[in-house]
Amino acid sequence: MGENMILLNKQFFRPDEVARLLALSRRTIYRMIRDGRLHAVKWGSGPWRISREALSALLPPDGPEI
């Protein structure tokens, strides 16, 4: 099973995973979180987590399904 298949089974993604899926830089993902364009939660002192729903909201309605 490839890495992308494992990512598609997840409910929450780290910023680096989202960056890889969207072909953006991690810096851009963190900027989008800070600006409120991408909803993310921070659990304790760990990394930010982005839900599958928040990630899907960035994609066009007729785009690929995450």
C-alpha atoms as a PDB file:
ATOM      1  CA  MET A   1       0.000   0.000   0.000  1.00  0.00           C
ATOM      2  CA  GLY A   2       1.461   3.346  -1.034  1.00  0.00           C
ATOM      3  CA  GLU A   3       1.929   6.363   1.170  1.00  0.00           C
ATOM      4  CA  ASN A   4      -0.881   8.262  -0.564  1.00  0.00           C
ATOM      5  CA  MET A   5      -3.328   5.432   0.144  1.00  0.00           C
ATOM      6  CA  ILE A   6      -2.422   5.553   3.838  1.00  0.00           C
ATOM      7  CA  LEU A   7      -2.965   9.330   3.858  1.00  0.00           C
ATOM      8  CA  LEU A   8      -6.391   8.952   2.262  1.00  0.00           C
ATOM      9  CA  ASN A   9      -7.552   6.724   5.137  1.00  0.00           C
ATOM     10  CA  LYS A  10      -6.781   9.349   7.795  1.00  0.00           C
ATOM     11  CA  GLN A  11      -9.317  11.687   9.425  1.00  0.00           C
ATOM     12  CA  PHE A  12      -6.758  14.293  10.564  1.00  0.00           C
ATOM     13  CA  PHE A  13      -3.642  15.434   8.741  1.00  0.00           C
ATOM     14  CA  ARG A  14      -0.454  17.202   9.803  1.00  0.00           C
ATOM     15  CA  PRO A  15       0.451  20.419   7.947  1.00  0.00           C
ATOM     16  CA  ASP A  16       3.301  18.684   6.096  1.00  0.00           C
ATOM     17  CA  GLU A  17       0.889  16.023   4.829  1.00  0.00           C
ATOM     18  CA  VAL A  18      -1.579  18.666   3.637  1.00  0.00           C
ATOM     19  CA  ALA A  19       1.255  20.535   1.923  1.00  0.00           C
ATOM     20  CA  ARG A  20       2.264  17.375   0.087  1.00  0.00           C
ATOM     21  CA  LEU A  21      -1.325  16.555  -0.944  1.00  0.00           C
ATOM     22  CA  LEU A  22      -1.981  20.079  -2.239  1.00  0.00           C
ATOM     23  CA  ALA A  23       1.510  20.598  -3.712  1.00  0.00           C
ATOM     24  CA  LEU A  24       2.076  23.655  -1.515  1.00  0.00           C
ATOM     25  CA  SER A  25       4.827  24.539   0.916  1.00  0.00           C
ATOM     26  CA  ARG A  26       4.473  23.932   4.650  1.00  0.00           C
ATOM     27  CA  ARG A  27       4.941  27.666   5.120  1.00  0.00           C
ATOM     28  CA  THR A  28       1.873  28.310   2.951  1.00  0.00           C
ATOM     29  CA  ILE A  29      -0.192  25.825   4.969  1.00  0.00           C
ATOM     30  CA  TYR A  30       0.825  27.476   8.261  1.00  0.00           C
ATOM     31  CA  ARG A  31       0.023  30.894   6.761  1.00  0.00           C
ATOM     32  CA  MET A  32      -3.424  29.637   5.714  1.00  0.00           C
ATOM     33  CA  ILE A  33      -4.021  28.349   9.256  1.00  0.00           C
ATOM     34  CA  ARG A  34      -2.918  31.666  10.778  1.00  0.00           C
ATOM     35  CA  ASP A  35      -5.065  33.699   8.343  1.00  0.00           C
ATOM     36  CA  GLY A  36      -8.129  31.546   9.017  1.00  0.00           C
ATOM     37  CA  ARG A  37      -8.362  30.192   5.468  1.00  0.00           C
ATOM     38  CA  LEU A  38      -7.716  26.652   6.735  1.00  0.00           C
ATOM     39  CA  HIS A  39      -9.334  25.450   9.938  1.00  0.00           C
ATOM     40  CA  ALA A  40      -6.956  23.492  12.155  1.00  0.00           C
ATOM     41  CA  VAL A  41      -6.774  22.413  15.779  1.00  0.00           C
ATOM     42  CA  LYS A  42      -3.786  22.037  18.049  1.00  0.00           C
ATOM     43  CA  TRP A  43      -3.868  19.169  20.518  1.00  0.00           C
ATOM     44  CA  GLY A  44      -1.586  19.905  23.454  1.00  0.00           C
ATOM     45  CA  SER A  45       1.936  20.800  22.456  1.00  0.00           C
ATOM     46  CA  GLY A  46       1.826  18.641  19.325  1.00  0.00           C
ATOM     47  CA  PRO A  47       1.552  19.812  15.722  1.00  0.00           C
ATOM     48  CA  TRP A  48      -1.523  21.373  14.203  1.00  0.00           C
ATOM     49  CA  ARG A  49      -4.067  18.914  12.804  1.00  0.00           C
ATOM     50  CA  ILE A  50      -6.310  19.565   9.824  1.00  0.00           C
ATOM     51  CA  SER A  51      -9.513  17.569   9.494  1.00  0.00           C
ATOM     52  CA  ARG A  52     -10.526  15.820   6.308  1.00  0.00           C
ATOM     53  CA  GLU A  53     -13.555  18.161   6.124  1.00  0.00           C
ATOM     54  CA  ALA A  54     -11.383  21.292   6.374  1.00  0.00           C
ATOM     55  CA  LEU A  55      -9.115  19.929   3.653  1.00  0.00           C
ATOM     56  CA  SER A  56     -12.079  19.074   1.412  1.00  0.00           C
ATOM     57  CA  ALA A  57     -13.449  22.610   1.855  1.00  0.00           C
ATOM     58  CA  LEU A  58     -10.358  23.966   0.075  1.00  0.00           C
ATOM     59  CA  LEU A  59     -11.009  21.910  -3.038  1.00  0.00           C
ATOM     60  CA  PRO A  60     -13.426  22.925  -5.779  1.00  0.00           C
ATOM     61  CA  PRO A  61     -16.788  21.113  -5.675  1.00  0.00           C
ATOM     62  CA  ASP A  62     -16.024  19.217  -8.888  1.00  0.00           C
ATOM     63  CA  GLY A  63     -12.412  18.486  -7.867  1.00  0.00           C
ATOM     64  CA  PRO A  64     -10.919  15.264  -6.544  1.00  0.00           C
ATOM     65  CA  GLU A  65     -12.335  13.800  -3.361  1.00  0.00           C
ATOM     66  CA  ILE A  66     -10.039  13.481  -0.330  1.00  0.00           C
END
